[in-house]
């Protein structure tokens, strides 16, 4: 198993501001990685152990702006005996399960209204209690995919006889749902995500009956098509940010797929691409247009981050973790703080253990964790360099590796030069 916990070497002795600047001026070392390369601390959540310890798998689906993650826990992936799960702080707990099987949480807003399904019916969780959402007349099966901060909800119902989905919208958790239009004026498709402006994204049947990504400007509007990328056969929209940017995928005739991003401001459809293999798909996008998802790394799923035009394997960006794991298989969502909800594989094989992971961005140079890099970070940097235990005691909510300004995985005198550069803007 690959452990993402590097050792930390620290220079001994004391230092002053003038000494650091003098040493920084003398050191002509190159940074170990690009200053723009993001790095993360991974917090791997423990398994849910109540009411039993048989749930060895936890799969995340969403993270809100306060860092709360929701998804499900089960004995193995896709197992019917699943329970909705929520992770907050360093604790993961089970939400109430209204039915004996198929209980999963797919979305939440910033005041913890959680939505998903239970027994293949759309549900919400409020104060951990499961409450079934009002149904479309004549429909039984359905799912709620997302909720915005106005407590509006989107999802779809399933016509079990005809075998098609109906996209829908709830103005509030207690109101009757309304159907969303497809391209023909009917109501076939699915609504996967929505923002606080009331924009909704999903997929509806397009030409030749292949599904195409769409965005509804509101619940009564006709959908706007998105994609596919040139040469693609179908597309799907899975996420939307506050700007109206949309992330998803395009699928081609050979069944390969590529993640895509629609930039609303310019109407540009970006091919995010792949790092290896022939498959990638985007599941989340934040207001900085950072996109997360998964790609096929030569037969093994890996989580990705696309940021500032560069595609990264998230496994290569983890600097430290509280528990070792084999790899990050997927990134489900990203919030505006840059925190990512990811799935970590701890054991090999299709039934191997999986866990919720919260990836927390490191901020090189912000050693006092006040959100900026300034002269106020100099004394904390000296402390981190010379006395890591003292630093941890004085700054318990900070990450020591914020002092690793050279991005080489250790805190050492080799970080002085680049730290001075960050503080002085040089």
Protein backbone atom coordinates (compact mmCIF):
# COMPACT_ATOMS: atom_id res chain seq x y z
CA UNK A 1 0.00 0.00 0.00
CA UNK A 2 1.27 3.46 -0.85
CA UNK A 3 1.49 5.75 2.16
CA UNK A 4 1.16 9.47 1.56
CA UNK A 5 2.84 10.51 4.82
CA UNK A 6 6.27 12.02 4.15
CA UNK A 7 8.92 12.43 6.80
CA UNK A 8 9.79 15.95 7.85
CA UNK A 9 13.40 17.12 8.27
CA UNK A 10 13.88 20.25 10.29
CA UNK A 11 16.95 22.43 10.73
CA UNK A 12 17.85 22.93 14.37
CA UNK A 13 18.60 26.18 16.07
CA UNK A 14 16.98 29.58 16.12
CA UNK A 15 16.70 32.29 13.52
CA UNK A 16 15.66 35.88 13.00
CA UNK A 17 14.00 37.71 10.14
CA UNK A 18 17.33 39.15 8.99
CA UNK A 19 19.01 35.76 9.14
CA UNK A 20 16.28 34.15 7.05
CA UNK A 21 16.45 36.90 4.43
CA UNK A 22 20.24 36.73 4.35
CA UNK A 23 20.26 32.97 3.95
CA UNK A 24 17.50 33.21 1.35
CA UNK A 25 19.57 35.65 -0.68
CA UNK A 26 22.54 33.33 -0.62
CA UNK A 27 20.68 30.15 -1.54
CA UNK A 28 20.36 29.65 -5.27
CA UNK A 29 18.19 26.59 -5.18
CA UNK A 30 15.36 25.85 -7.61
CA UNK A 31 11.88 25.03 -6.38
CA UNK A 32 11.20 21.29 -6.46
CA UNK A 33 7.84 21.77 -8.17
CA UNK A 34 5.99 24.54 -9.89
CA UNK A 35 4.67 27.13 -7.47
CA UNK A 36 1.32 26.78 -9.19
CA UNK A 37 1.04 23.03 -8.63
CA UNK A 38 -1.65 22.37 -6.00
CA UNK A 39 -1.00 19.98 -3.13
CA UNK A 40 -3.34 18.46 -0.56
CA UNK A 41 -3.60 16.97 2.86
CA UNK A 42 -5.85 13.90 2.69
CA UNK A 43 -8.12 13.08 5.60
CA UNK A 44 -9.32 9.48 5.26
CA UNK A 45 -12.51 8.90 7.22
CA UNK A 46 -12.90 5.73 9.28
CA UNK A 47 -15.58 3.17 8.37
CA UNK A 48 -19.04 3.41 9.83
CA UNK A 49 -19.13 0.94 12.72
CA UNK A 50 -22.70 1.38 13.91
CA UNK A 51 -25.06 -0.42 13.98
CA UNK A 52 -22.65 -3.10 12.74
CA UNK A 53 -19.10 -3.21 11.40
CA UNK A 54 -19.90 -4.88 8.09
CA UNK A 55 -19.89 -1.70 5.99
CA UNK A 56 -16.39 -1.74 4.61
CA UNK A 57 -17.13 0.63 1.75
CA UNK A 58 -18.06 4.32 1.76
CA UNK A 59 -18.60 6.18 -1.53
CA UNK A 60 -18.88 10.01 -1.53
CA UNK A 61 -21.05 12.02 -3.93
CA UNK A 62 -20.99 15.66 -2.84
CA UNK A 63 -19.29 18.25 -0.62
CA UNK A 64 -20.80 21.58 0.42
CA UNK A 65 -19.12 24.93 1.09
CA UNK A 66 -18.57 24.06 4.77
CA UNK A 67 -16.73 20.82 3.94
CA UNK A 68 -19.54 18.37 4.78
CA UNK A 69 -19.52 15.26 2.56
CA UNK A 70 -22.43 12.93 1.82
CA UNK A 71 -22.69 9.58 0.07
CA UNK A 72 -23.37 6.02 1.18
CA UNK A 73 -21.81 3.14 3.12
CA UNK A 74 -22.30 -0.55 2.31
CA UNK A 75 -20.63 -3.97 2.63
CA UNK A 76 -19.28 -3.54 -0.92
CA UNK A 77 -19.76 -1.16 -3.87
CA UNK A 78 -23.31 -1.11 -5.28
CA UNK A 79 -24.54 -3.45 -2.55
CA UNK A 80 -28.30 -3.09 -1.90
CA UNK A 81 -27.78 -2.97 1.89
CA UNK A 82 -26.52 0.61 1.72
CA UNK A 83 -27.10 3.41 4.21
CA UNK A 84 -26.81 7.18 3.66
CA UNK A 85 -23.66 8.63 5.21
CA UNK A 86 -22.47 12.10 6.16
CA UNK A 87 -18.93 13.14 7.09
CA UNK A 88 -18.32 16.32 9.06
CA UNK A 89 -15.11 17.39 10.77
CA UNK A 90 -13.32 14.11 11.50
CA UNK A 91 -16.47 12.01 12.00
CA UNK A 92 -18.61 9.99 9.61
CA UNK A 93 -22.12 8.98 10.66
CA UNK A 94 -25.09 7.12 9.26
CA UNK A 95 -28.23 9.07 8.41
CA UNK A 96 -31.63 7.57 9.01
CA UNK A 97 -32.61 4.80 6.58
CA UNK A 98 -36.32 4.73 5.77
CA UNK A 99 -36.13 1.41 3.91
CA UNK A 100 -34.18 -1.82 4.26
CA UNK A 101 -32.18 -1.30 1.07
CA UNK A 102 -30.85 1.24 -1.41
CA UNK A 103 -30.40 4.22 0.88
CA UNK A 104 -27.99 6.74 -0.63
CA UNK A 105 -27.35 10.48 -0.28
CA UNK A 106 -26.39 12.28 -3.50
CA UNK A 107 -26.47 16.00 -2.75
CA UNK A 108 -26.71 18.65 -0.04
CA UNK A 109 -26.79 22.39 0.45
CA UNK A 110 -24.84 24.59 2.84
CA UNK A 111 -27.28 24.22 5.73
CA UNK A 112 -27.23 20.43 5.48
CA UNK A 113 -30.44 19.65 3.67
CA UNK A 114 -29.44 16.26 2.25
CA UNK A 115 -31.21 14.59 -0.68
CA UNK A 116 -31.01 11.18 -2.33
CA UNK A 117 -33.12 8.06 -2.40
CA UNK A 118 -34.37 5.29 -0.14
CA UNK A 119 -35.89 2.15 -1.55
CA UNK A 120 -35.70 3.79 -5.02
CA UNK A 121 -37.91 6.67 -3.89
CA UNK A 122 -36.77 10.31 -3.60
CA UNK A 123 -35.96 11.34 -0.04
CA UNK A 124 -34.56 14.23 1.95
CA UNK A 125 -32.82 14.17 5.29
CA UNK A 126 -33.43 17.02 7.69
CA UNK A 127 -31.81 16.70 11.14
CA UNK A 128 -30.89 13.13 10.13
CA UNK A 129 -34.55 12.12 9.77
CA UNK A 130 -35.53 10.59 6.42
CA UNK A 131 -38.62 12.15 4.80
CA UNK A 132 -40.00 11.08 1.42
CA UNK A 133 -40.40 13.89 -1.09
CA UNK A 134 -43.79 14.40 -2.77
CA UNK A 135 -44.12 12.23 -5.90
CA UNK A 136 -45.31 12.90 -9.41
CA UNK A 137 -48.82 11.52 -9.88
CA UNK A 138 -48.65 7.95 -11.12
CA UNK A 139 -44.94 7.51 -10.32
CA UNK A 140 -43.35 5.46 -7.55
CA UNK A 141 -39.60 5.23 -8.23
CA UNK A 142 -37.36 8.27 -8.33
CA UNK A 143 -34.29 10.04 -7.01
CA UNK A 144 -33.37 13.51 -5.74
CA UNK A 145 -29.90 14.47 -6.99
CA UNK A 146 -29.18 17.93 -5.64
CA UNK A 147 -30.45 20.82 -3.49
CA UNK A 148 -29.49 24.49 -3.58
CA UNK A 149 -29.39 26.97 -0.72
CA UNK A 150 -33.00 28.00 -1.34
CA UNK A 151 -33.97 24.38 -0.53
CA UNK A 152 -35.00 23.83 -4.15
CA UNK A 153 -34.37 20.26 -5.31
CA UNK A 154 -33.86 18.58 -8.68
CA UNK A 155 -33.99 14.93 -9.69
CA UNK A 156 -36.04 12.53 -11.75
CA UNK A 157 -38.78 9.96 -11.55
CA UNK A 158 -38.67 6.61 -13.33
CA UNK A 159 -41.44 5.21 -15.48
CA UNK A 160 -41.04 1.56 -14.56
CA UNK A 161 -43.35 0.34 -17.35
CA UNK A 162 -42.03 2.41 -20.25
CA UNK A 163 -38.44 2.43 -19.00
CA UNK A 164 -37.67 6.15 -19.22
CA UNK A 165 -36.85 8.90 -16.71
CA UNK A 166 -38.73 12.16 -16.16
CA UNK A 167 -36.67 15.20 -15.03
CA UNK A 168 -38.29 17.13 -12.22
CA UNK A 169 -37.94 19.99 -9.77
CA UNK A 170 -39.28 20.67 -6.27
CA UNK A 171 -39.70 24.36 -5.36
CA UNK A 172 -39.33 23.29 -1.72
CA UNK A 173 -39.09 19.96 0.11
CA UNK A 174 -42.84 20.02 0.82
CA UNK A 175 -44.19 21.11 -2.57
CA UNK A 176 -45.37 18.90 -5.40
CA UNK A 177 -42.73 18.34 -8.09
CA UNK A 178 -43.03 19.77 -11.58
CA UNK A 179 -41.60 18.21 -14.71
CA UNK A 180 -38.86 19.84 -16.80
CA UNK A 181 -39.12 20.09 -20.58
CA UNK A 182 -37.05 18.09 -23.02
CA UNK A 183 -36.17 19.21 -26.56
CA UNK A 184 -39.40 17.90 -28.07
CA UNK A 185 -41.69 19.57 -25.55
CA UNK A 186 -42.14 16.38 -23.57
CA UNK A 187 -40.49 15.41 -20.29
CA UNK A 188 -37.85 12.71 -20.68
CA UNK A 189 -34.41 12.86 -19.09
CA UNK A 190 -32.73 13.54 -15.75
CA UNK A 191 -31.78 16.63 -13.73
CA UNK A 192 -28.51 16.11 -11.84
CA UNK A 193 -27.47 19.45 -10.34
CA UNK A 194 -28.58 23.03 -9.73
CA UNK A 195 -27.20 26.32 -8.42
CA UNK A 196 -28.67 29.09 -6.27
CA UNK A 197 -29.77 31.02 -9.38
CA UNK A 198 -32.17 28.18 -10.14
CA UNK A 199 -30.24 26.91 -13.18
CA UNK A 200 -30.49 23.14 -13.55
CA UNK A 201 -28.35 20.75 -15.59
CA UNK A 202 -28.81 17.19 -16.76
CA UNK A 203 -29.50 15.27 -19.97
CA UNK A 204 -32.44 14.72 -22.33
CA UNK A 205 -32.90 12.73 -25.56
CA UNK A 206 -31.22 14.42 -28.52
CA UNK A 207 -31.00 13.58 -32.23
CA UNK A 208 -31.08 9.85 -32.99
CA UNK A 209 -32.33 9.29 -29.41
CA UNK A 210 -28.85 9.69 -27.93
CA UNK A 211 -28.80 11.76 -24.75
CA UNK A 212 -27.41 15.27 -24.85
CA UNK A 213 -26.36 17.57 -21.99
CA UNK A 214 -28.68 20.47 -21.23
CA UNK A 215 -29.10 23.44 -18.94
CA UNK A 216 -32.49 24.78 -17.90
CA UNK A 217 -32.36 28.47 -16.93
CA UNK A 218 -35.29 27.83 -14.60
CA UNK A 219 -37.92 25.19 -13.98
CA UNK A 220 -40.25 26.47 -16.72
CA UNK A 221 -37.66 27.20 -19.43
CA UNK A 222 -36.88 25.10 -22.47
CA UNK A 223 -33.47 23.43 -22.19
CA UNK A 224 -30.29 24.73 -23.82
CA UNK A 225 -28.13 21.98 -25.33
CA UNK A 226 -24.47 21.57 -24.38
CA UNK A 227 -22.10 19.68 -26.64
CA UNK A 228 -21.15 17.13 -27.46
CA UNK A 229 -17.51 17.87 -28.21
CA UNK A 230 -16.59 17.64 -31.91
CA UNK A 231 -16.99 14.08 -33.13
CA UNK A 232 -18.97 13.04 -30.06
CA UNK A 233 -22.16 10.99 -30.13
CA UNK A 234 -23.76 12.06 -26.85
CA UNK A 235 -23.13 14.27 -23.85
CA UNK A 236 -24.18 14.56 -20.22
CA UNK A 237 -24.05 17.45 -17.73
CA UNK A 238 -23.30 16.49 -14.11
CA UNK A 239 -22.39 19.72 -12.29
CA UNK A 240 -22.93 23.48 -12.37
CA UNK A 241 -21.30 26.33 -10.44
CA UNK A 242 -22.65 29.74 -9.41
CA UNK A 243 -21.42 31.27 -12.69
CA UNK A 244 -23.49 28.88 -14.81
CA UNK A 245 -20.43 26.90 -15.97
CA UNK A 246 -21.28 23.24 -16.59
CA UNK A 247 -19.11 20.12 -16.26
CA UNK A 248 -19.80 16.66 -17.64
CA UNK A 249 -18.68 14.37 -20.44
CA UNK A 250 -18.88 13.58 -24.14
CA UNK A 251 -19.06 9.98 -25.36
CA UNK A 252 -17.90 8.89 -28.83
CA UNK A 253 -18.83 6.16 -31.30
CA UNK A 254 -16.09 3.88 -29.94
CA UNK A 255 -17.55 4.34 -26.42
CA UNK A 256 -14.59 6.40 -25.26
CA UNK A 257 -15.47 9.43 -23.13
CA UNK A 258 -13.84 12.76 -22.38
CA UNK A 259 -14.61 15.20 -19.59
CA UNK A 260 -15.81 18.61 -20.74
CA UNK A 261 -16.46 22.08 -19.31
CA UNK A 262 -18.78 24.74 -20.69
CA UNK A 263 -17.59 28.25 -19.73
CA UNK A 264 -20.80 30.27 -19.64
CA UNK A 265 -19.12 33.67 -19.97
CA UNK A 266 -17.55 32.85 -23.36
CA UNK A 267 -19.77 29.92 -24.43
CA UNK A 268 -16.55 27.91 -24.90
CA UNK A 269 -16.81 24.13 -24.59
CA UNK A 270 -13.46 22.83 -23.31
CA UNK A 271 -12.17 19.32 -23.90
CA UNK A 272 -10.56 18.48 -20.54
CA UNK A 273 -9.00 15.38 -22.06
CA UNK A 274 -7.41 12.32 -20.48
CA UNK A 275 -4.08 11.58 -18.82
CA UNK A 276 -4.13 7.94 -19.87
CA UNK A 277 -6.57 5.52 -21.42
CA UNK A 278 -9.69 6.56 -23.30
CA UNK A 279 -12.09 7.60 -20.53
CA UNK A 280 -12.61 10.65 -18.35
CA UNK A 281 -15.73 12.15 -16.79
CA UNK A 282 -16.28 15.31 -14.73
CA UNK A 283 -18.46 15.27 -11.61
CA UNK A 284 -17.84 18.65 -9.96
CA UNK A 285 -16.87 22.25 -10.73
CA UNK A 286 -16.35 25.21 -8.37
CA UNK A 287 -16.55 28.96 -8.95
CA UNK A 288 -12.82 29.09 -9.84
CA UNK A 289 -13.61 26.66 -12.68
CA UNK A 290 -11.60 23.89 -11.06
CA UNK A 291 -13.07 20.59 -12.29
CA UNK A 292 -12.83 17.15 -10.66
CA UNK A 293 -13.76 13.67 -11.80
CA UNK A 294 -12.24 10.35 -12.78
CA UNK A 295 -10.24 8.90 -15.64
CA UNK A 296 -9.02 5.46 -16.69
CA UNK A 297 -5.33 5.17 -15.81
CA UNK A 298 -4.53 2.12 -17.95
CA UNK A 299 -7.27 -0.01 -16.45
CA UNK A 300 -7.35 1.57 -12.99
CA UNK A 301 -9.69 4.48 -12.17
CA UNK A 302 -7.91 7.56 -10.86
CA UNK A 303 -9.27 10.85 -9.56
CA UNK A 304 -8.37 13.98 -11.50
CA UNK A 305 -8.23 17.73 -10.97
CA UNK A 306 -8.33 20.14 -13.92
CA UNK A 307 -7.23 23.60 -12.85
CA UNK A 308 -6.01 26.61 -14.82
CA UNK A 309 -5.93 24.57 -18.00
CA UNK A 310 -3.82 21.73 -16.57
CA UNK A 311 -5.05 18.18 -15.93
CA UNK A 312 -3.60 16.47 -12.84
CA UNK A 313 -3.79 12.98 -11.41
CA UNK A 314 -4.88 13.79 -7.85
CA UNK A 315 -2.85 10.85 -6.55
CA UNK A 316 0.28 12.80 -7.44
CA UNK A 317 -0.84 15.89 -5.51
CA UNK A 318 -1.35 14.32 -2.06
CA UNK A 319 1.47 15.50 0.21
CA UNK A 320 0.32 13.97 3.49
CA UNK A 321 -2.48 11.77 4.84
CA UNK A 322 -3.71 10.49 8.18
CA UNK A 323 -3.99 6.94 6.79
CA UNK A 324 -2.38 5.12 3.89
CA UNK A 325 -4.36 3.98 0.86
CA UNK A 326 -3.72 2.42 -2.52
CA UNK A 327 -5.07 5.21 -4.71
CA UNK A 328 -7.81 7.78 -5.15
CA UNK A 329 -10.28 6.29 -7.62
CA UNK A 330 -12.60 9.24 -8.14
CA UNK A 331 -13.18 12.85 -7.14
CA UNK A 332 -16.90 13.42 -6.65
CA UNK A 333 -17.07 17.15 -5.98
CA UNK A 334 -15.10 20.32 -5.15
CA UNK A 335 -16.14 23.39 -3.16
CA UNK A 336 -15.04 27.00 -3.45
CA UNK A 337 -12.37 26.55 -0.76
CA UNK A 338 -10.80 23.94 -3.06
CA UNK A 339 -11.69 21.04 -0.75
CA UNK A 340 -12.41 17.85 -2.68
CA UNK A 341 -14.59 14.86 -1.81
CA UNK A 342 -12.78 11.79 -3.11
CA UNK A 343 -12.99 8.01 -2.95
CA UNK A 344 -9.91 6.19 -1.64
CA UNK A 345 -9.29 2.51 -2.37
CA UNK A 346 -7.65 0.78 0.59
CA UNK A 347 -7.73 -2.83 -0.63
CA UNK A 348 -7.41 -4.29 -4.13
CA UNK A 349 -10.25 -5.98 -5.96
CA UNK A 350 -13.81 -4.95 -6.80
CA UNK A 351 -14.98 -5.62 -3.22
CA UNK A 352 -12.01 -4.03 -1.47
CA UNK A 353 -12.41 -1.42 1.25
CA UNK A 354 -13.14 2.15 0.16
CA UNK A 355 -13.41 5.32 2.20
CA UNK A 356 -14.57 8.91 2.08
CA UNK A 357 -11.61 11.27 1.74
CA UNK A 358 -11.55 15.05 2.17
CA UNK A 359 -8.67 16.64 0.30
CA UNK A 360 -7.69 19.91 1.96
CA UNK A 361 -5.51 22.30 -0.08
CA UNK A 362 -2.13 23.26 1.27
CA UNK A 363 -1.18 26.94 0.99
CA UNK A 364 2.60 27.35 0.68
CA UNK A 365 3.83 30.27 2.75
CA UNK A 366 0.61 30.80 4.75
CA UNK A 367 2.18 29.26 7.83
CA UNK A 368 -0.08 31.02 10.34
CA UNK A 369 -3.19 30.03 8.33
CA UNK A 370 -4.76 33.48 8.20
CA UNK A 371 -5.52 33.18 4.49
CA UNK A 372 -2.67 35.38 3.28
CA UNK A 373 1.10 35.17 2.86
CA UNK A 374 2.73 38.12 4.62
CA UNK A 375 5.40 39.12 7.13
CA UNK A 376 3.06 37.70 9.76
CA UNK A 377 4.09 34.26 8.56
CA UNK A 378 7.82 34.75 9.23
CA UNK A 379 7.90 33.78 12.91
CA UNK A 380 5.56 30.80 12.38
CA UNK A 381 7.83 29.69 9.49
CA UNK A 382 10.91 29.84 11.76
CA UNK A 383 9.02 27.83 14.37
CA UNK A 384 7.91 25.22 11.82
CA UNK A 385 11.50 24.95 10.57
CA UNK A 386 13.17 24.65 13.95
CA UNK A 387 10.53 23.14 16.25
CA UNK A 388 7.72 21.27 14.46
CA UNK A 389 6.20 20.05 17.73
CA UNK A 390 6.10 23.60 19.05
CA UNK A 391 4.54 24.73 15.79
CA UNK A 392 1.83 22.05 16.02
CA UNK A 393 1.06 23.14 19.59
CA UNK A 394 0.85 26.83 18.72
CA UNK A 395 -1.04 26.34 15.42
CA UNK A 396 -3.13 23.19 15.93
CA UNK A 397 -5.43 23.92 12.99
CA UNK A 398 -2.60 24.56 10.52
CA UNK A 399 -0.72 22.15 8.31
CA UNK A 400 3.06 21.97 8.83
CA UNK A 401 3.60 21.43 5.12
CA UNK A 402 2.41 24.97 4.42
CA UNK A 403 6.04 25.76 5.30
CA UNK A 404 7.22 23.41 2.53
CA UNK A 405 7.39 26.20 -0.01
CA UNK A 406 9.62 24.24 -2.40
CA UNK A 407 6.99 21.47 -2.71
CA UNK A 408 9.53 18.69 -2.15
CA UNK A 409 7.56 17.02 0.65
CA UNK A 410 9.79 18.10 3.57
CA UNK A 411 10.26 21.23 5.66
CA UNK A 412 13.95 22.16 5.58
CA UNK A 413 16.42 25.00 5.02
CA UNK A 414 15.77 24.44 1.33
CA UNK A 415 12.41 26.17 1.83
CA UNK A 416 13.90 29.47 3.01
CA UNK A 417 14.59 30.96 -0.40
CA UNK A 418 11.15 30.31 -1.86
CA UNK A 419 9.47 31.39 1.40
CA UNK A 420 11.23 34.74 1.20
CA UNK A 421 10.08 35.01 -2.40
CA UNK A 422 6.47 34.37 -1.43
CA UNK A 423 6.56 36.92 1.39
CA UNK A 424 8.26 39.64 -0.65
CA UNK A 425 6.45 38.86 -3.89
CA UNK A 426 9.74 38.09 -5.61
